[in-house]
């Protein structure tokens, strides 16, 4: 299921703009030049937890964040349509595929609300106070266009009795798993994140998970 939002030409005086929103084949009048993620979901008859994915004219997908404001432009809608689809569609389908890919290497991996947790991940360096640790990472809003960022570990991980560089605990963006967590500020090397429509053809969460070993090998 998808919905398309198209801004039409301005009607009336300069103080009142009128738009026609195409929501799953229904023409819905809209009088504001902006619309929020939640308003789109309401017009589509979706629950707020479904989320909304924007698909531009080039079929590039971007997940709208809660409370995000979309700006509609009178007259521009004829040359470019903004498409929206429920978050339980392409986004979840991709994560489901990537979960199976992760399980091929990490059989115990868990997924919850866009987060992934690998219970036992080797640290590859004797300087760490754990030979192995749980790790977690998130498929953020806009994934896969937005690459994952941050390696989350249970709080207390230290290198030679000291906190590692680019590491913080506790964290505000806490993974939805038990316990307190810290985070390494880390992302794949610049230019290394090149996702494609087919998760198996481009970079993916499995590549990200494998890359975590590089950070642990670096030590502090």
C-alpha atoms as a PDB file:
ATOM      1  CA  UNK A   1       0.000   0.000   0.000  1.00  0.00           C
ATOM      2  CA  UNK A   2       1.237   3.485  -0.683  1.00  0.00           C
ATOM      3  CA  UNK A   3      -0.077   6.981  -0.772  1.00  0.00           C
ATOM      4  CA  UNK A   4       0.861   9.929  -2.892  1.00  0.00           C
ATOM      5  CA  UNK A   5       0.792  13.548  -1.850  1.00  0.00           C
ATOM      6  CA  UNK A   6       0.643  16.077  -4.654  1.00  0.00           C
ATOM      7  CA  UNK A   7       0.509  19.844  -4.176  1.00  0.00           C
ATOM      8  CA  UNK A   8      -1.696  21.488  -6.813  1.00  0.00           C
ATOM      9  CA  UNK A   9      -1.833  25.102  -7.940  1.00  0.00           C
ATOM     10  CA  UNK A  10      -2.819  27.792  -5.494  1.00  0.00           C
ATOM     11  CA  UNK A  11      -6.490  28.764  -5.392  1.00  0.00           C
ATOM     12  CA  UNK A  12      -8.098  31.860  -3.912  1.00  0.00           C
ATOM     13  CA  UNK A  13      -6.230  34.845  -2.508  1.00  0.00           C
ATOM     14  CA  UNK A  14      -2.636  35.036  -1.349  1.00  0.00           C
ATOM     15  CA  UNK A  15      -3.624  34.299   2.241  1.00  0.00           C
ATOM     16  CA  UNK A  16      -5.221  30.933   1.652  1.00  0.00           C
ATOM     17  CA  UNK A  17      -3.469  28.063  -0.086  1.00  0.00           C
ATOM     18  CA  UNK A  18      -5.360  24.936  -1.059  1.00  0.00           C
ATOM     19  CA  UNK A  19      -3.772  21.588  -1.782  1.00  0.00           C
ATOM     20  CA  UNK A  20      -5.103  18.247  -2.884  1.00  0.00           C
ATOM     21  CA  UNK A  21      -3.540  15.273  -1.150  1.00  0.00           C
ATOM     22  CA  UNK A  22      -3.832  11.940  -2.922  1.00  0.00           C
ATOM     23  CA  UNK A  23      -4.062   9.474  -0.041  1.00  0.00           C
ATOM     24  CA  UNK A  24      -4.308   5.910  -1.326  1.00  0.00           C
ATOM     25  CA  UNK A  25      -6.419   7.016  -4.271  1.00  0.00           C
ATOM     26  CA  UNK A  26      -8.600   9.435  -2.283  1.00  0.00           C
ATOM     27  CA  UNK A  27      -8.464  13.164  -3.001  1.00  0.00           C
ATOM     28  CA  UNK A  28      -8.256  14.968   0.325  1.00  0.00           C
ATOM     29  CA  UNK A  29      -8.291  18.797   0.533  1.00  0.00           C
ATOM     30  CA  UNK A  30      -5.532  20.366   2.623  1.00  0.00           C
ATOM     31  CA  UNK A  31      -5.317  24.084   3.411  1.00  0.00           C
ATOM     32  CA  UNK A  32      -1.852  24.322   4.952  1.00  0.00           C
ATOM     33  CA  UNK A  33       1.492  24.491   3.118  1.00  0.00           C
ATOM     34  CA  UNK A  34       2.889  22.012   5.624  1.00  0.00           C
ATOM     35  CA  UNK A  35       1.848  18.619   6.946  1.00  0.00           C
ATOM     36  CA  UNK A  36       3.361  16.479   9.710  1.00  0.00           C
ATOM     37  CA  UNK A  37       4.209  12.799   9.786  1.00  0.00           C
ATOM     38  CA  UNK A  38       1.325  12.162  12.172  1.00  0.00           C
ATOM     39  CA  UNK A  39      -1.169  14.065  10.006  1.00  0.00           C
ATOM     40  CA  UNK A  40      -0.173  11.993   6.970  1.00  0.00           C
ATOM     41  CA  UNK A  41      -0.647   8.805   8.997  1.00  0.00           C
ATOM     42  CA  UNK A  42      -4.055   9.993  10.218  1.00  0.00           C
ATOM     43  CA  UNK A  43      -5.224  10.810   6.692  1.00  0.00           C
ATOM     44  CA  UNK A  44      -4.024   7.410   5.543  1.00  0.00           C
ATOM     45  CA  UNK A  45      -5.897   5.683   8.343  1.00  0.00           C
ATOM     46  CA  UNK A  46      -2.674   4.338   9.844  1.00  0.00           C
ATOM     47  CA  UNK A  47      -1.791   4.085  13.506  1.00  0.00           C
ATOM     48  CA  UNK A  48       0.872   6.494  14.728  1.00  0.00           C
ATOM     49  CA  UNK A  49       3.295   3.599  15.245  1.00  0.00           C
ATOM     50  CA  UNK A  50       3.258   2.643  11.575  1.00  0.00           C
ATOM     51  CA  UNK A  51       5.572   5.452  10.555  1.00  0.00           C
ATOM     52  CA  UNK A  52       5.666   7.027   7.097  1.00  0.00           C
ATOM     53  CA  UNK A  53       8.239   6.523   4.348  1.00  0.00           C
ATOM     54  CA  UNK A  54       8.763   9.238   1.769  1.00  0.00           C
ATOM     55  CA  UNK A  55       9.734   8.086  -1.726  1.00  0.00           C
ATOM     56  CA  UNK A  56      10.975  10.829  -4.023  1.00  0.00           C
ATOM     57  CA  UNK A  57      10.766  11.042  -7.808  1.00  0.00           C
ATOM     58  CA  UNK A  58      13.950   8.977  -8.095  1.00  0.00           C
ATOM     59  CA  UNK A  59      12.496   6.226  -5.864  1.00  0.00           C
ATOM     60  CA  UNK A  60      14.910   7.069  -3.046  1.00  0.00           C
ATOM     61  CA  UNK A  61      13.294   6.168   0.257  1.00  0.00           C
ATOM     62  CA  UNK A  62      13.440   8.226   3.451  1.00  0.00           C
ATOM     63  CA  UNK A  63      11.615   7.462   6.665  1.00  0.00           C
ATOM     64  CA  UNK A  64       9.971  10.529   8.182  1.00  0.00           C
ATOM     65  CA  UNK A  65      10.694  11.038  11.852  1.00  0.00           C
ATOM     66  CA  UNK A  66       7.915  11.592  14.414  1.00  0.00           C
ATOM     67  CA  UNK A  67       6.851  15.231  14.359  1.00  0.00           C
ATOM     68  CA  UNK A  68       8.662  15.972  11.082  1.00  0.00           C
ATOM     69  CA  UNK A  69       7.137  18.747   8.977  1.00  0.00           C
ATOM     70  CA  UNK A  70       6.798  18.227   5.214  1.00  0.00           C
ATOM     71  CA  UNK A  71       6.618  21.413   3.134  1.00  0.00           C
ATOM     72  CA  UNK A  72       4.180  21.363   0.203  1.00  0.00           C
ATOM     73  CA  UNK A  73       4.909  23.713  -2.696  1.00  0.00           C
ATOM     74  CA  UNK A  74       2.055  25.047  -4.870  1.00  0.00           C
ATOM     75  CA  UNK A  75       2.702  24.503  -8.571  1.00  0.00           C
ATOM     76  CA  UNK A  76       5.708  22.266  -8.006  1.00  0.00           C
ATOM     77  CA  UNK A  77       3.556  19.216  -7.489  1.00  0.00           C
ATOM     78  CA  UNK A  78       3.016  18.823 -11.216  1.00  0.00           C
ATOM     79  CA  UNK A  79       6.696  18.123 -11.837  1.00  0.00           C
ATOM     80  CA  UNK A  80       7.449  16.136  -8.720  1.00  0.00           C
ATOM     81  CA  UNK A  81       5.198  13.935  -6.606  1.00  0.00           C
ATOM     82  CA  UNK A  82       5.974  13.055  -3.026  1.00  0.00           C
ATOM     83  CA  UNK A  83       4.976   9.500  -2.238  1.00  0.00           C
ATOM     84  CA  UNK A  84       4.372   8.073   1.187  1.00  0.00           C
ATOM     85  CA  UNK A  85       4.052   4.487   2.323  1.00  0.00           C
ATOM     86  CA  UNK A  86       3.461   2.939   5.714  1.00  0.00           C
ATOM     87  CA  UNK A  87       6.524   2.052   7.727  1.00  0.00           C
ATOM     88  CA  UNK A  88       5.371  -1.545   8.093  1.00  0.00           C
ATOM     89  CA  UNK A  89       6.031  -2.075   4.386  1.00  0.00           C
ATOM     90  CA  UNK A  90       9.405  -1.619   2.678  1.00  0.00           C
ATOM     91  CA  UNK A  91      11.338  -0.642   5.807  1.00  0.00           C
ATOM     92  CA  UNK A  92      10.217  -3.688   7.797  1.00  0.00           C
ATOM     93  CA  UNK A  93      10.619  -5.975   4.795  1.00  0.00           C
ATOM     94  CA  UNK A  94      14.210  -4.846   4.392  1.00  0.00           C
ATOM     95  CA  UNK A  95      14.974  -5.272   8.096  1.00  0.00           C
ATOM     96  CA  UNK A  96      13.477  -8.760   8.009  1.00  0.00           C
ATOM     97  CA  UNK A  97      15.746  -9.679   5.091  1.00  0.00           C
ATOM     98  CA  UNK A  98      18.774  -8.195   6.822  1.00  0.00           C
ATOM     99  CA  UNK A  99      17.944 -10.039  10.040  1.00  0.00           C
ATOM    100  CA  UNK A 100      18.162 -13.339   8.163  1.00  0.00           C
ATOM    101  CA  UNK A 101      21.490 -12.256   6.676  1.00  0.00           C
ATOM    102  CA  UNK A 102      22.817 -11.411  10.148  1.00  0.00           C
ATOM    103  CA  UNK A 103      21.640 -14.768  11.503  1.00  0.00           C
ATOM    104  CA  UNK A 104      23.801 -16.511   8.924  1.00  0.00           C
ATOM    105  CA  UNK A 105      26.872 -15.265  10.826  1.00  0.00           C
ATOM    106  CA  UNK A 106      25.440 -14.409  14.255  1.00  0.00           C
ATOM    107  CA  UNK A 107      22.728 -17.035  14.954  1.00  0.00           C
ATOM    108  CA  UNK A 108      21.690 -15.471  18.289  1.00  0.00           C
ATOM    109  CA  UNK A 109      21.124 -11.944  16.956  1.00  0.00           C
ATOM    110  CA  UNK A 110      17.939 -10.277  18.216  1.00  0.00           C
ATOM    111  CA  UNK A 111      15.861  -7.508  16.594  1.00  0.00           C
ATOM    112  CA  UNK A 112      13.521  -5.120  18.393  1.00  0.00           C
ATOM    113  CA  UNK A 113      12.022  -1.879  17.049  1.00  0.00           C
ATOM    114  CA  UNK A 114      14.791  -1.291  14.509  1.00  0.00           C
ATOM    115  CA  UNK A 115      17.548  -2.266  16.969  1.00  0.00           C
ATOM    116  CA  UNK A 116      19.788  -5.321  16.697  1.00  0.00           C
ATOM    117  CA  UNK A 117      21.663  -7.070  19.522  1.00  0.00           C
ATOM    118  CA  UNK A 118      24.419  -9.659  19.191  1.00  0.00           C
ATOM    119  CA  UNK A 119      24.762 -11.311  22.636  1.00  0.00           C
ATOM    120  CA  UNK A 120      28.400 -12.433  22.339  1.00  0.00           C
ATOM    121  CA  UNK A 121      30.914 -10.487  20.226  1.00  0.00           C
ATOM    122  CA  UNK A 122      34.697 -11.013  20.691  1.00  0.00           C
ATOM    123  CA  UNK A 123      36.708  -7.900  21.584  1.00  0.00           C
ATOM    124  CA  UNK A 124      39.916  -9.176  19.848  1.00  0.00           C
ATOM    125  CA  UNK A 125      42.284  -7.309  22.201  1.00  0.00           C
ATOM    126  CA  UNK A 126      43.611  -8.395  25.599  1.00  0.00           C
ATOM    127  CA  UNK A 127      43.474  -4.805  26.829  1.00  0.00           C
ATOM    128  CA  UNK A 128      39.702  -4.901  27.185  1.00  0.00           C
ATOM    129  CA  UNK A 129      38.257  -6.047  30.503  1.00  0.00           C
ATOM    130  CA  UNK A 130      35.944  -8.413  28.604  1.00  0.00           C
ATOM    131  CA  UNK A 131      37.024 -11.113  26.180  1.00  0.00           C
ATOM    132  CA  UNK A 132      33.578 -10.782  24.585  1.00  0.00           C
ATOM    133  CA  UNK A 133      30.644  -8.447  25.025  1.00  0.00           C
ATOM    134  CA  UNK A 134      27.124  -7.912  23.789  1.00  0.00           C
ATOM    135  CA  UNK A 135      26.841  -5.261  21.072  1.00  0.00           C
ATOM    136  CA  UNK A 136      23.822  -3.410  19.726  1.00  0.00           C
ATOM    137  CA  UNK A 137      23.230  -1.078  16.787  1.00  0.00           C
ATOM    138  CA  UNK A 138      20.273   0.676  15.198  1.00  0.00           C
ATOM    139  CA  UNK A 139      18.777   0.995  11.724  1.00  0.00           C
ATOM    140  CA  UNK A 140      17.968   4.681  12.076  1.00  0.00           C
ATOM    141  CA  UNK A 141      15.156   6.657  10.502  1.00  0.00           C
ATOM    142  CA  UNK A 142      15.914   6.913   6.798  1.00  0.00           C
ATOM    143  CA  UNK A 143      17.751   3.575   6.658  1.00  0.00           C
ATOM    144  CA  UNK A 144      19.355   2.451   4.382  1.00  0.00           C
ATOM    145  CA  UNK A 145      20.018   5.931   2.972  1.00  0.00           C
ATOM    146  CA  UNK A 146      21.022   6.911   6.516  1.00  0.00           C
ATOM    147  CA  UNK A 147      23.856   4.634   7.548  1.00  0.00           C
ATOM    148  CA  UNK A 148      23.999   3.087  11.049  1.00  0.00           C
ATOM    149  CA  UNK A 149      26.063   4.993  13.595  1.00  0.00           C
ATOM    150  CA  UNK A 150      27.394   3.969  16.975  1.00  0.00           C
ATOM    151  CA  UNK A 151      28.384   0.700  18.639  1.00  0.00           C
ATOM    152  CA  UNK A 152      26.400   0.155  21.826  1.00  0.00           C
ATOM    153  CA  UNK A 153      27.769  -2.102  24.568  1.00  0.00           C
ATOM    154  CA  UNK A 154      26.648  -2.874  28.131  1.00  0.00           C
ATOM    155  CA  UNK A 155      28.053  -0.213  30.465  1.00  0.00           C
ATOM    156  CA  UNK A 156      31.368  -0.924  32.145  1.00  0.00           C
ATOM    157  CA  UNK A 157      33.547  -1.864  29.185  1.00  0.00           C
ATOM    158  CA  UNK A 158      37.071  -0.521  29.791  1.00  0.00           C
ATOM    159  CA  UNK A 159      40.456  -0.684  28.089  1.00  0.00           C
ATOM    160  CA  UNK A 160      43.356  -1.135  30.546  1.00  0.00           C
ATOM    161  CA  UNK A 161      41.124   0.103  33.356  1.00  0.00           C
ATOM    162  CA  UNK A 162      40.296   3.353  31.544  1.00  0.00           C
ATOM    163  CA  UNK A 163      37.372   4.567  29.458  1.00  0.00           C
ATOM    164  CA  UNK A 164      38.176   4.398  25.755  1.00  0.00           C
ATOM    165  CA  UNK A 165      38.266   7.445  23.511  1.00  0.00           C
ATOM    166  CA  UNK A 166      35.081   8.326  21.621  1.00  0.00           C
ATOM    167  CA  UNK A 167      33.096   6.326  24.163  1.00  0.00           C
ATOM    168  CA  UNK A 168      30.376   7.545  26.509  1.00  0.00           C
ATOM    169  CA  UNK A 169      28.106   6.094  29.141  1.00  0.00           C
ATOM    170  CA  UNK A 170      25.307   6.221  29.959  1.00  0.00           C
ATOM    171  CA  UNK A 171      23.601   7.180  26.683  1.00  0.00           C
ATOM    172  CA  UNK A 172      20.361   9.068  26.074  1.00  0.00           C
ATOM    173  CA  UNK A 173      19.456   7.028  22.998  1.00  0.00           C
ATOM    174  CA  UNK A 174      19.264   3.815  24.985  1.00  0.00           C
ATOM    175  CA  UNK A 175      18.799   0.490  23.154  1.00  0.00           C
ATOM    176  CA  UNK A 176      15.534  -1.306  24.045  1.00  0.00           C
ATOM    177  CA  UNK A 177      17.404  -4.145  25.728  1.00  0.00           C
ATOM    178  CA  UNK A 178      17.959  -4.912  29.408  1.00  0.00           C
ATOM    179  CA  UNK A 179      20.629  -3.084  31.405  1.00  0.00           C
ATOM    180  CA  UNK A 180      22.580   0.155  31.085  1.00  0.00           C
ATOM    181  CA  UNK A 181      24.477   0.870  27.884  1.00  0.00           C
ATOM    182  CA  UNK A 182      27.425   2.887  26.644  1.00  0.00           C
ATOM    183  CA  UNK A 183      28.258   3.859  23.063  1.00  0.00           C
ATOM    184  CA  UNK A 184      31.320   4.112  20.857  1.00  0.00           C
ATOM    185  CA  UNK A 185      31.002   6.940  18.336  1.00  0.00           C
ATOM    186  CA  UNK A 186      31.782   4.918  15.237  1.00  0.00           C
ATOM    187  CA  UNK A 187      30.711   4.508  11.630  1.00  0.00           C
ATOM    188  CA  UNK A 188      32.194   2.692   8.613  1.00  0.00           C
ATOM    189  CA  UNK A 189      35.025   4.483   6.839  1.00  0.00           C
ATOM    190  CA  UNK A 190      33.979   7.409   4.675  1.00  0.00           C
ATOM    191  CA  UNK A 191      32.575   6.269   1.353  1.00  0.00           C
ATOM    192  CA  UNK A 192      32.198   2.684   2.538  1.00  0.00           C
ATOM    193  CA  UNK A 193      28.423   2.873   2.981  1.00  0.00           C
ATOM    194  CA  UNK A 194      26.852   2.212  -0.437  1.00  0.00           C
ATOM    195  CA  UNK A 195      23.453   0.536  -0.010  1.00  0.00           C
ATOM    196  CA  UNK A 196      21.263  -0.598  -2.900  1.00  0.00           C
ATOM    197  CA  UNK A 197      17.619  -1.588  -3.199  1.00  0.00           C
ATOM    198  CA  UNK A 198      18.670  -5.229  -2.851  1.00  0.00           C
ATOM    199  CA  UNK A 199      20.256  -5.594   0.625  1.00  0.00           C
ATOM    200  CA  UNK A 200      22.460  -8.421  -0.621  1.00  0.00           C
ATOM    201  CA  UNK A 201      23.945  -6.378  -3.461  1.00  0.00           C
ATOM    202  CA  UNK A 202      25.146  -3.304  -1.548  1.00  0.00           C
ATOM    203  CA  UNK A 203      26.402  -2.528   1.932  1.00  0.00           C
ATOM    204  CA  UNK A 204      24.122  -3.649   4.749  1.00  0.00           C
ATOM    205  CA  UNK A 205      23.830  -4.280   8.480  1.00  0.00           C
ATOM    206  CA  UNK A 206      25.886  -7.456   8.207  1.00  0.00           C
ATOM    207  CA  UNK A 207      28.782  -5.415   6.825  1.00  0.00           C
ATOM    208  CA  UNK A 208      28.337  -2.974   9.706  1.00  0.00           C
ATOM    209  CA  UNK A 209      28.300  -5.777  12.292  1.00  0.00           C
ATOM    210  CA  UNK A 210      31.447  -7.387  10.880  1.00  0.00           C
ATOM    211  CA  UNK A 211      33.139  -3.987  10.869  1.00  0.00           C
ATOM    212  CA  UNK A 212      32.660  -3.620  14.638  1.00  0.00           C
ATOM    213  CA  UNK A 213      35.674  -5.932  15.079  1.00  0.00           C
ATOM    214  CA  UNK A 214      37.918  -3.221  13.623  1.00  0.00           C
ATOM    215  CA  UNK A 215      37.016  -0.805  16.410  1.00  0.00           C
ATOM    216  CA  UNK A 216      37.636  -3.360  19.152  1.00  0.00           C
ATOM    217  CA  UNK A 217      41.016  -4.316  17.676  1.00  0.00           C
ATOM    218  CA  UNK A 218      42.089  -0.665  17.871  1.00  0.00           C
ATOM    219  CA  UNK A 219      41.856  -0.716  21.651  1.00  0.00           C
ATOM    220  CA  UNK A 220      41.632   2.668  23.354  1.00  0.00           C
END
